[in-house]
Amino acid sequence: MTSLSHQQADPALLNKRLEEAKRQLMQSEKLAAIGQLAAGVAHEINNPVGYVYSNLQTLEGYLTDLFRLTNAVDSAESLDDLQLIKKNLDYDYLREDLKDLISESREGIERVKTIIAAMKDFSYIEEEDFKPADIHKGIETTLNVVNNELKYKAEVVRDFDDLPNVECIISQINQVIMNLLVNAAHAIEDFGQIHIRTRASGDNVIIEIEDTGQGISEENLNRIFEPFFTTKPIGKGTGLGLSLSFNIIEKHNGLIDVDSRPGEGTCFRITLPINQPLTPEAE
């Protein structure tokens, strides 16, 4: 009994359990967010797949016509007969349309590959090590994942500076960016803009996400990073997104702050060190 009480009171053990609980909560929130976005991602994939399928049906018809022409080479009595068949096929139109058809289909498949790669990068949950990463690539990955959430609500305006690679856990930074982008879209009533700005500042990089939405009232502004606090309707938010974002940025020895004006919009500013400070063990 004494041993159990001592074990429960051990600060190191309690801290380890707290960190593990935080990690599990963060992964649960991340997977829940991906689940909420799944329908949008399915729609994003369905669109290019739809027109690739349509193009394949058209291609089948074109190939049938082209085979008529090639088969006639062996049976045609004269060159005039072949030219007549070619004219009846509207060969010039068919040739140009085939180029467009292949180009569109390739573009559609590339879009599907991009979305799948983005989902793979975004949902990778085993990553725990700090590594140099391209912040802009992370932002673009996240934009691909949340595109269906944004495209009907806002124009995304990028203002990217030249940035060095940042020592971070990029999947966790992507999660913060996703939370801020989705919140920005939800804050816009009709259609507005979301500005994403990046810049280097001394030993830090700064990421700003600003929307033209409703803004946050002063009484709520001081509470937005509290766990389970949300102004969204029931079923629309867990109240954990900003709290976990705060913890992630804190874990990265960075800062996250917010400036908001009701009726005008909100700007979240993330400051991250380019290199993580050395731990005593590393020193």
C-alpha atoms as a PDB file:
ATOM      1  CA  MET A   1       0.000   0.000   0.000  1.00  0.00           C
ATOM      2  CA  THR A   2       2.828   2.332   0.933  1.00  0.00           C
ATOM      3  CA  SER A   3       4.652   1.477  -2.269  1.00  0.00           C
ATOM      4  CA  LEU A   4       1.562   2.274  -4.385  1.00  0.00           C
ATOM      5  CA  SER A   5       1.074   5.629  -2.643  1.00  0.00           C
ATOM      6  CA  HIS A   6       4.712   6.451  -3.211  1.00  0.00           C
ATOM      7  CA  GLN A   7       4.405   5.467  -6.874  1.00  0.00           C
ATOM      8  CA  GLN A   8       1.317   7.600  -7.361  1.00  0.00           C
ATOM      9  CA  ALA A   9       3.032  10.536  -5.741  1.00  0.00           C
ATOM     10  CA  ASP A  10       6.170  10.232  -7.869  1.00  0.00           C
ATOM     11  CA  PRO A  11       6.269  13.530  -9.876  1.00  0.00           C
ATOM     12  CA  ALA A  12       8.267  11.963 -12.713  1.00  0.00           C
ATOM     13  CA  LEU A  13       5.725   9.166 -13.126  1.00  0.00           C
ATOM     14  CA  LEU A  14       2.799  11.581 -12.965  1.00  0.00           C
ATOM     15  CA  ASN A  15       4.454  13.832 -15.518  1.00  0.00           C
ATOM     16  CA  LYS A  16       5.086  10.844 -17.800  1.00  0.00           C
ATOM     17  CA  ARG A  17       1.444   9.799 -17.531  1.00  0.00           C
ATOM     18  CA  LEU A  18       0.300  13.357 -18.226  1.00  0.00           C
ATOM     19  CA  GLU A  19       2.498  13.586 -21.311  1.00  0.00           C
ATOM     20  CA  GLU A  20       1.176  10.234 -22.543  1.00  0.00           C
ATOM     21  CA  ALA A  21      -2.418  11.379 -21.972  1.00  0.00           C
ATOM     22  CA  LYS A  22      -1.690  14.612 -23.874  1.00  0.00           C
ATOM     23  CA  ARG A  23      -0.144  12.661 -26.741  1.00  0.00           C
ATOM     24  CA  GLN A  24      -3.113  10.315 -26.976  1.00  0.00           C
ATOM     25  CA  LEU A  25      -5.549  13.223 -26.802  1.00  0.00           C
ATOM     26  CA  MET A  26      -3.683  15.028 -29.557  1.00  0.00           C
ATOM     27  CA  GLN A  27      -3.725  11.963 -31.809  1.00  0.00           C
ATOM     28  CA  SER A  28      -7.419  11.374 -31.076  1.00  0.00           C
ATOM     29  CA  GLU A  29      -8.248  14.960 -31.990  1.00  0.00           C
ATOM     30  CA  LYS A  30      -6.140  14.686 -35.125  1.00  0.00           C
ATOM     31  CA  LEU A  31      -7.872  11.512 -36.263  1.00  0.00           C
ATOM     32  CA  ALA A  32     -11.271  13.004 -35.380  1.00  0.00           C
ATOM     33  CA  ALA A  33     -10.432  16.024 -37.518  1.00  0.00           C
ATOM     34  CA  ILE A  34      -9.415  13.771 -40.413  1.00  0.00           C
ATOM     35  CA  GLY A  35     -12.693  11.901 -39.976  1.00  0.00           C
ATOM     36  CA  GLN A  36     -14.635  15.156 -40.223  1.00  0.00           C
ATOM     37  CA  LEU A  37     -12.712  16.026 -43.384  1.00  0.00           C
ATOM     38  CA  ALA A  38     -13.125  12.573 -44.956  1.00  0.00           C
ATOM     39  CA  ALA A  39     -16.347  13.440 -46.789  1.00  0.00           C
ATOM     40  CA  GLY A  40     -14.711  16.527 -48.259  1.00  0.00           C
ATOM     41  CA  VAL A  41     -11.646  14.560 -49.297  1.00  0.00           C
ATOM     42  CA  ALA A  42     -13.868  11.908 -50.914  1.00  0.00           C
ATOM     43  CA  HIS A  43     -15.572  14.698 -52.879  1.00  0.00           C
ATOM     44  CA  GLU A  44     -12.173  16.086 -53.892  1.00  0.00           C
ATOM     45  CA  ILE A  45     -11.133  12.668 -55.200  1.00  0.00           C
ATOM     46  CA  ASN A  46     -14.502  11.905 -56.790  1.00  0.00           C
ATOM     47  CA  ASN A  47     -14.389  14.960 -59.077  1.00  0.00           C
ATOM     48  CA  PRO A  48     -11.174  14.086 -60.982  1.00  0.00           C
ATOM     49  CA  VAL A  49     -12.033  10.371 -60.951  1.00  0.00           C
ATOM     50  CA  GLY A  50     -15.407  11.263 -62.476  1.00  0.00           C
ATOM     51  CA  TYR A  51     -14.014  13.105 -65.453  1.00  0.00           C
ATOM     52  CA  VAL A  52     -11.220  10.573 -65.971  1.00  0.00           C
ATOM     53  CA  TYR A  53     -13.918   7.878 -66.169  1.00  0.00           C
ATOM     54  CA  SER A  54     -15.894  10.022 -68.618  1.00  0.00           C
ATOM     55  CA  ASN A  55     -12.774  10.595 -70.711  1.00  0.00           C
ATOM     56  CA  LEU A  56     -12.110   6.858 -70.847  1.00  0.00           C
ATOM     57  CA  GLN A  57     -15.596   6.297 -72.263  1.00  0.00           C
ATOM     58  CA  THR A  58     -14.910   8.946 -74.920  1.00  0.00           C
ATOM     59  CA  LEU A  59     -11.511   7.371 -75.612  1.00  0.00           C
ATOM     60  CA  GLU A  60     -13.202   4.012 -76.196  1.00  0.00           C
ATOM     61  CA  GLY A  61     -15.348   5.564 -78.918  1.00  0.00           C
ATOM     62  CA  TYR A  62     -12.355   7.313 -80.491  1.00  0.00           C
ATOM     63  CA  LEU A  63     -10.346   4.071 -80.549  1.00  0.00           C
ATOM     64  CA  THR A  64     -13.228   2.294 -82.294  1.00  0.00           C
ATOM     65  CA  ASP A  65     -13.158   4.995 -85.007  1.00  0.00           C
ATOM     66  CA  LEU A  66      -9.365   4.852 -85.334  1.00  0.00           C
ATOM     67  CA  PHE A  67      -9.424   1.069 -85.636  1.00  0.00           C
ATOM     68  CA  ARG A  68     -11.936   1.422 -88.480  1.00  0.00           C
ATOM     69  CA  LEU A  69      -9.379   3.565 -90.274  1.00  0.00           C
ATOM     70  CA  THR A  70      -6.393   1.276 -89.627  1.00  0.00           C
ATOM     71  CA  ASN A  71      -8.362  -1.857 -90.530  1.00  0.00           C
ATOM     72  CA  ALA A  72      -9.368  -0.227 -93.810  1.00  0.00           C
ATOM     73  CA  VAL A  73      -5.701  -0.018 -94.836  1.00  0.00           C
ATOM     74  CA  ASP A  74      -5.772  -3.708 -95.724  1.00  0.00           C
ATOM     75  CA  SER A  75      -9.174  -3.712 -97.416  1.00  0.00           C
ATOM     76  CA  ALA A  76      -9.466  -0.296 -99.091  1.00  0.00           C
ATOM     77  CA  GLU A  77      -9.306  -0.398-102.876  1.00  0.00           C
ATOM     78  CA  SER A  78      -7.658   2.990-103.218  1.00  0.00           C
ATOM     79  CA  LEU A  79      -6.140   5.883-101.295  1.00  0.00           C
ATOM     80  CA  ASP A  80      -9.324   7.868-101.999  1.00  0.00           C
ATOM     81  CA  ASP A  81     -11.333   5.310-100.025  1.00  0.00           C
ATOM     82  CA  LEU A  82      -9.041   5.766 -97.033  1.00  0.00           C
ATOM     83  CA  GLN A  83      -9.233   9.537 -97.277  1.00  0.00           C
ATOM     84  CA  LEU A  84     -13.042   9.335 -97.390  1.00  0.00           C
ATOM     85  CA  ILE A  85     -13.115   7.224 -94.221  1.00  0.00           C
ATOM     86  CA  LYS A  86     -10.705   9.680 -92.561  1.00  0.00           C
ATOM     87  CA  LYS A  87     -12.936  12.588 -93.525  1.00  0.00           C
ATOM     88  CA  ASN A  88     -16.074  10.844 -92.231  1.00  0.00           C
ATOM     89  CA  LEU A  89     -14.330  10.267 -88.896  1.00  0.00           C
ATOM     90  CA  ASP A  90     -13.588  14.002 -88.575  1.00  0.00           C
ATOM     91  CA  TYR A  91     -10.018  12.920 -88.006  1.00  0.00           C
ATOM     92  CA  ASP A  92      -8.560  16.398 -87.355  1.00  0.00           C
ATOM     93  CA  TYR A  93     -11.052  17.073 -84.531  1.00  0.00           C
ATOM     94  CA  LEU A  94     -10.537  13.596 -83.104  1.00  0.00           C
ATOM     95  CA  ARG A  95      -6.756  14.035 -83.043  1.00  0.00           C
ATOM     96  CA  GLU A  96      -6.906  17.407 -81.226  1.00  0.00           C
ATOM     97  CA  ASP A  97      -9.543  16.226 -78.784  1.00  0.00           C
ATOM     98  CA  LEU A  98      -7.450  13.167 -77.951  1.00  0.00           C
ATOM     99  CA  LYS A  99      -4.623  15.482 -76.840  1.00  0.00           C
ATOM    100  CA  ASP A 100      -6.971  17.411 -74.542  1.00  0.00           C
ATOM    101  CA  LEU A 101      -8.535  14.197 -73.265  1.00  0.00           C
ATOM    102  CA  ILE A 102      -5.146  12.707 -72.298  1.00  0.00           C
ATOM    103  CA  SER A 103      -4.000  15.987 -70.759  1.00  0.00           C
ATOM    104  CA  GLU A 104      -7.165  16.338 -68.647  1.00  0.00           C
ATOM    105  CA  SER A 105      -6.989  12.721 -67.519  1.00  0.00           C
ATOM    106  CA  ARG A 106      -3.352  13.046 -66.511  1.00  0.00           C
ATOM    107  CA  GLU A 107      -4.199  16.232 -64.610  1.00  0.00           C
ATOM    108  CA  GLY A 108      -7.045  14.436 -62.830  1.00  0.00           C
ATOM    109  CA  ILE A 109      -4.852  11.524 -61.779  1.00  0.00           C
ATOM    110  CA  GLU A 110      -2.149  13.923 -60.582  1.00  0.00           C
ATOM    111  CA  ARG A 111      -4.790  15.653 -58.450  1.00  0.00           C
ATOM    112  CA  VAL A 112      -5.798  12.314 -56.906  1.00  0.00           C
ATOM    113  CA  LYS A 113      -2.133  11.464 -56.259  1.00  0.00           C
ATOM    114  CA  THR A 114      -1.624  14.852 -54.604  1.00  0.00           C
ATOM    115  CA  ILE A 115      -4.631  14.395 -52.312  1.00  0.00           C
ATOM    116  CA  ILE A 116      -3.605  10.862 -51.336  1.00  0.00           C
ATOM    117  CA  ALA A 117      -0.017  11.958 -50.670  1.00  0.00           C
ATOM    118  CA  ALA A 118      -1.295  14.876 -48.579  1.00  0.00           C
ATOM    119  CA  MET A 119      -3.525  12.581 -46.530  1.00  0.00           C
ATOM    120  CA  LYS A 120      -0.640  10.153 -46.034  1.00  0.00           C
ATOM    121  CA  ASP A 121       1.696  12.926 -44.865  1.00  0.00           C
ATOM    122  CA  PHE A 122      -0.958  14.564 -42.721  1.00  0.00           C
ATOM    123  CA  SER A 123      -2.218  11.429 -40.973  1.00  0.00           C
ATOM    124  CA  TYR A 124       1.225  10.057 -40.120  1.00  0.00           C
ATOM    125  CA  ILE A 125       0.889   9.778 -36.335  1.00  0.00           C
ATOM    126  CA  GLU A 126       4.022   7.919 -35.270  1.00  0.00           C
ATOM    127  CA  GLU A 127       6.362  10.836 -35.873  1.00  0.00           C
ATOM    128  CA  GLU A 128       7.810  12.085 -32.583  1.00  0.00           C
ATOM    129  CA  ASP A 129      11.277  13.371 -33.499  1.00  0.00           C
ATOM    130  CA  PHE A 130      12.216  16.950 -34.274  1.00  0.00           C
ATOM    131  CA  LYS A 131      13.625  17.154 -37.800  1.00  0.00           C
ATOM    132  CA  PRO A 132      14.364  20.002 -40.240  1.00  0.00           C
ATOM    133  CA  ALA A 133      11.241  20.488 -42.362  1.00  0.00           C
ATOM    134  CA  ASP A 134       9.912  22.711 -45.134  1.00  0.00           C
ATOM    135  CA  ILE A 135       7.119  24.785 -43.563  1.00  0.00           C
ATOM    136  CA  HIS A 136       5.729  25.835 -46.960  1.00  0.00           C
ATOM    137  CA  LYS A 137       5.460  22.201 -48.078  1.00  0.00           C
ATOM    138  CA  GLY A 138       3.617  21.449 -44.841  1.00  0.00           C
ATOM    139  CA  ILE A 139       1.182  24.313 -45.467  1.00  0.00           C
ATOM    140  CA  GLU A 140       0.522  23.132 -49.024  1.00  0.00           C
ATOM    141  CA  THR A 141      -0.038  19.564 -47.782  1.00  0.00           C
ATOM    142  CA  THR A 142      -2.585  20.847 -45.281  1.00  0.00           C
ATOM    143  CA  LEU A 143      -4.296  23.042 -47.874  1.00  0.00           C
ATOM    144  CA  ASN A 144      -4.741  19.967 -50.089  1.00  0.00           C
ATOM    145  CA  VAL A 145      -6.349  18.090 -47.199  1.00  0.00           C
ATOM    146  CA  VAL A 146      -8.786  20.886 -46.252  1.00  0.00           C
ATOM    147  CA  ASN A 147      -9.424  22.200 -49.762  1.00  0.00           C
ATOM    148  CA  ASN A 148     -13.073  21.131 -49.787  1.00  0.00           C
ATOM    149  CA  GLU A 149     -13.630  22.970 -46.474  1.00  0.00           C
ATOM    150  CA  LEU A 150     -12.135  26.179 -47.856  1.00  0.00           C
ATOM    151  CA  LYS A 151     -13.006  26.512 -51.529  1.00  0.00           C
ATOM    152  CA  TYR A 152     -16.680  27.345 -50.971  1.00  0.00           C
ATOM    153  CA  LYS A 153     -15.950  29.806 -48.159  1.00  0.00           C
ATOM    154  CA  ALA A 154     -12.796  31.707 -49.021  1.00  0.00           C
ATOM    155  CA  GLU A 155     -10.086  32.617 -51.466  1.00  0.00           C
ATOM    156  CA  VAL A 156      -6.725  31.548 -50.040  1.00  0.00           C
ATOM    157  CA  VAL A 157      -4.073  34.252 -50.515  1.00  0.00           C
ATOM    158  CA  ARG A 158      -0.462  33.159 -50.018  1.00  0.00           C
ATOM    159  CA  ASP A 159       2.280  35.620 -49.068  1.00  0.00           C
ATOM    160  CA  PHE A 160       5.311  33.404 -48.541  1.00  0.00           C
ATOM    161  CA  ASP A 161       8.781  34.691 -47.678  1.00  0.00           C
ATOM    162  CA  ASP A 162      11.962  32.682 -48.166  1.00  0.00           C
ATOM    163  CA  LEU A 163      12.235  30.423 -45.126  1.00  0.00           C
ATOM    164  CA  PRO A 164      14.968  28.095 -43.919  1.00  0.00           C
ATOM    165  CA  ASN A 165      14.007  24.582 -42.886  1.00  0.00           C
ATOM    166  CA  VAL A 166      12.585  24.586 -39.370  1.00  0.00           C
ATOM    167  CA  GLU A 167      13.429  21.986 -36.741  1.00  0.00           C
ATOM    168  CA  CYS A 168      10.013  20.663 -35.774  1.00  0.00           C
ATOM    169  CA  ILE A 169       7.601  17.731 -35.833  1.00  0.00           C
ATOM    170  CA  ILE A 170       6.020  18.733 -39.124  1.00  0.00           C
ATOM    171  CA  SER A 171       2.914  16.531 -38.795  1.00  0.00           C
ATOM    172  CA  GLN A 172       2.052  18.350 -35.560  1.00  0.00           C
ATOM    173  CA  ILE A 173       2.627  21.776 -37.128  1.00  0.00           C
ATOM    174  CA  ASN A 174       0.362  20.667 -39.998  1.00  0.00           C
ATOM    175  CA  GLN A 175      -2.301  19.845 -37.435  1.00  0.00           C
ATOM    176  CA  VAL A 176      -2.083  23.358 -35.971  1.00  0.00           C
ATOM    177  CA  ILE A 177      -2.319  24.896 -39.462  1.00  0.00           C
ATOM    178  CA  MET A 178      -5.341  22.707 -40.238  1.00  0.00           C
ATOM    179  CA  ASN A 179      -7.135  23.775 -37.044  1.00  0.00           C
ATOM    180  CA  LEU A 180      -6.563  27.448 -37.806  1.00  0.00           C
ATOM    181  CA  LEU A 181      -7.623  27.135 -41.470  1.00  0.00           C
ATOM    182  CA  VAL A 182     -10.842  25.245 -40.662  1.00  0.00           C
ATOM    183  CA  ASN A 183     -11.670  27.718 -37.883  1.00  0.00           C
ATOM    184  CA  ALA A 184     -11.053  30.579 -40.315  1.00  0.00           C
ATOM    185  CA  ALA A 185     -13.437  29.038 -42.866  1.00  0.00           C
ATOM    186  CA  HIS A 186     -16.116  28.521 -40.194  1.00  0.00           C
ATOM    187  CA  ALA A 187     -15.771  32.160 -39.103  1.00  0.00           C
ATOM    188  CA  ILE A 188     -16.651  33.423 -42.607  1.00  0.00           C
ATOM    189  CA  GLU A 189     -20.404  33.683 -43.152  1.00  0.00           C
ATOM    190  CA  ASP A 190     -20.628  33.990 -46.931  1.00  0.00           C
ATOM    191  CA  PHE A 191     -17.383  34.185 -48.920  1.00  0.00           C
ATOM    192  CA  GLY A 192     -14.207  35.928 -47.893  1.00  0.00           C
ATOM    193  CA  GLN A 193     -10.440  35.626 -47.865  1.00  0.00           C
ATOM    194  CA  ILE A 194      -7.904  33.694 -45.807  1.00  0.00           C
ATOM    195  CA  HIS A 195      -4.399  35.147 -45.904  1.00  0.00           C
ATOM    196  CA  ILE A 196      -1.438  32.896 -45.101  1.00  0.00           C
ATOM    197  CA  ARG A 197       1.793  34.813 -44.514  1.00  0.00           C
ATOM    198  CA  THR A 198       5.241  33.539 -43.617  1.00  0.00           C
ATOM    199  CA  ARG A 199       8.452  35.373 -42.855  1.00  0.00           C
ATOM    200  CA  ALA A 200      11.790  34.866 -41.160  1.00  0.00           C
ATOM    201  CA  SER A 201      12.590  37.038 -38.149  1.00  0.00           C
ATOM    202  CA  GLY A 202      16.009  36.559 -36.589  1.00  0.00           C
ATOM    203  CA  ASP A 203      16.197  33.044 -35.168  1.00  0.00           C
ATOM    204  CA  ASN A 204      12.467  32.457 -35.674  1.00  0.00           C
ATOM    205  CA  VAL A 205       9.927  31.987 -38.424  1.00  0.00           C
ATOM    206  CA  ILE A 206       6.474  33.524 -38.202  1.00  0.00           C
ATOM    207  CA  ILE A 207       3.297  32.091 -39.707  1.00  0.00           C
ATOM    208  CA  GLU A 208       0.149  34.207 -39.818  1.00  0.00           C
ATOM    209  CA  ILE A 209      -3.329  33.003 -40.755  1.00  0.00           C
ATOM    210  CA  GLU A 210      -5.817  35.846 -41.064  1.00  0.00           C
ATOM    211  CA  ASP A 211      -9.467  35.643 -42.096  1.00  0.00           C
ATOM    212  CA  THR A 212     -12.132  38.176 -43.004  1.00  0.00           C
ATOM    213  CA  GLY A 213     -14.700  36.475 -40.790  1.00  0.00           C
ATOM    214  CA  GLN A 214     -16.870  37.526 -37.872  1.00  0.00           C
ATOM    215  CA  GLY A 215     -14.040  38.006 -35.408  1.00  0.00           C
ATOM    216  CA  ILE A 216     -13.974  36.980 -31.751  1.00  0.00           C
ATOM    217  CA  SER A 217     -15.614  38.959 -28.960  1.00  0.00           C
ATOM    218  CA  GLU A 218     -13.375  40.323 -26.226  1.00  0.00           C
ATOM    219  CA  GLU A 219     -14.902  38.121 -23.512  1.00  0.00           C
ATOM    220  CA  ASN A 220     -14.162  34.981 -25.574  1.00  0.00           C
ATOM    221  CA  LEU A 221     -10.712  36.083 -26.714  1.00  0.00           C
ATOM    222  CA  ASN A 222      -9.149  35.273 -23.338  1.00  0.00           C
ATOM    223  CA  ARG A 223     -10.675  31.780 -23.284  1.00  0.00           C
ATOM    224  CA  ILE A 224     -10.101  30.412 -26.788  1.00  0.00           C
ATOM    225  CA  PHE A 225      -7.093  28.300 -25.771  1.00  0.00           C
ATOM    226  CA  GLU A 226      -8.941  26.689 -22.842  1.00  0.00           C
ATOM    227  CA  PRO A 227      -9.653  22.945 -23.246  1.00  0.00           C
ATOM    228  CA  PHE A 228     -13.239  22.199 -24.345  1.00  0.00           C
ATOM    229  CA  PHE A 229     -14.126  25.896 -24.777  1.00  0.00           C
ATOM    230  CA  THR A 230     -15.944  26.470 -28.064  1.00  0.00           C
ATOM    231  CA  THR A 231     -18.430  28.934 -29.493  1.00  0.00           C
ATOM    232  CA  LYS A 232     -19.472  26.479 -32.216  1.00  0.00           C
ATOM    233  CA  PRO A 233     -22.840  24.684 -32.068  1.00  0.00           C
ATOM    234  CA  ILE A 234     -22.984  21.223 -30.481  1.00  0.00           C
ATOM    235  CA  GLY A 235     -21.566  18.652 -32.871  1.00  0.00           C
ATOM    236  CA  LYS A 236     -19.541  21.218 -34.815  1.00  0.00           C
ATOM    237  CA  GLY A 237     -16.481  21.312 -32.607  1.00  0.00           C
ATOM    238  CA  THR A 238     -14.831  19.594 -29.650  1.00  0.00           C
ATOM    239  CA  GLY A 239     -13.248  22.678 -28.119  1.00  0.00           C
ATOM    240  CA  LEU A 240      -9.887  20.888 -28.200  1.00  0.00           C
ATOM    241  CA  GLY A 241      -8.425  22.175 -31.475  1.00  0.00           C
ATOM    242  CA  LEU A 242      -6.991  25.465 -30.219  1.00  0.00           C
ATOM    243  CA  SER A 243      -6.032  24.030 -26.842  1.00  0.00           C
ATOM    244  CA  LEU A 244      -4.024  21.253 -28.496  1.00  0.00           C
ATOM    245  CA  SER A 245      -2.574  23.761 -30.979  1.00  0.00           C
ATOM    246  CA  PHE A 246      -1.373  25.831 -28.024  1.00  0.00           C
ATOM    247  CA  ASN A 247       0.236  22.737 -26.452  1.00  0.00           C
ATOM    248  CA  ILE A 248       1.926  21.764 -29.722  1.00  0.00           C
ATOM    249  CA  ILE A 249       3.436  25.223 -30.210  1.00  0.00           C
ATOM    250  CA  GLU A 250       4.493  25.301 -26.550  1.00  0.00           C
ATOM    251  CA  LYS A 251       6.160  21.897 -27.043  1.00  0.00           C
ATOM    252  CA  HIS A 252       8.040  23.456 -29.968  1.00  0.00           C
ATOM    253  CA  ASN A 253       9.263  26.294 -27.701  1.00  0.00           C
ATOM    254  CA  GLY A 254       7.218  28.709 -29.781  1.00  0.00           C
ATOM    255  CA  LEU A 255       4.393  31.180 -29.256  1.00  0.00           C
ATOM    256  CA  ILE A 256       0.859  31.453 -30.618  1.00  0.00           C
ATOM    257  CA  ASP A 257      -1.163  34.614 -30.169  1.00  0.00           C
ATOM    258  CA  VAL A 258      -4.308  36.100 -31.669  1.00  0.00           C
ATOM    259  CA  ASP A 259      -5.564  39.499 -32.711  1.00  0.00           C
ATOM    260  CA  SER A 260      -9.262  39.810 -33.479  1.00  0.00           C
ATOM    261  CA  ARG A 261     -11.766  42.559 -34.188  1.00  0.00           C
ATOM    262  CA  PRO A 262     -15.468  41.642 -34.066  1.00  0.00           C
ATOM    263  CA  GLY A 263     -17.005  42.096 -37.497  1.00  0.00           C
ATOM    264  CA  GLU A 264     -13.602  42.463 -39.211  1.00  0.00           C
ATOM    265  CA  GLY A 265     -11.696  39.217 -38.801  1.00  0.00           C
ATOM    266  CA  THR A 266      -9.089  37.312 -36.829  1.00  0.00           C
ATOM    267  CA  CYS A 267      -5.342  36.817 -37.198  1.00  0.00           C
ATOM    268  CA  PHE A 268      -3.468  33.971 -35.502  1.00  0.00           C
ATOM    269  CA  ARG A 269       0.296  34.378 -35.336  1.00  0.00           C
ATOM    270  CA  ILE A 270       2.645  31.431 -34.744  1.00  0.00           C
ATOM    271  CA  THR A 271       6.298  32.036 -33.864  1.00  0.00           C
ATOM    272  CA  LEU A 272       8.619  29.027 -34.110  1.00  0.00           C
ATOM    273  CA  PRO A 273      12.354  28.814 -33.442  1.00  0.00           C
ATOM    274  CA  ILE A 274      14.321  27.736 -36.492  1.00  0.00           C
ATOM    275  CA  ASN A 275      16.424  25.453 -34.291  1.00  0.00           C
ATOM    276  CA  GLN A 276      15.227  23.871 -31.082  1.00  0.00           C
ATOM    277  CA  PRO A 277      17.222  24.768 -27.960  1.00  0.00           C
ATOM    278  CA  LEU A 278      19.596  22.047 -26.864  1.00  0.00           C
ATOM    279  CA  THR A 279      18.450  19.876 -23.980  1.00  0.00           C
ATOM    280  CA  PRO A 280      20.854  19.387 -21.070  1.00  0.00           C
ATOM    281  CA  GLU A 281      21.449  15.796 -22.268  1.00  0.00           C
ATOM    282  CA  ALA A 282      22.324  17.004 -25.784  1.00  0.00           C
ATOM    283  CA  GLU A 283      24.657  19.658 -24.398  1.00  0.00           C
END
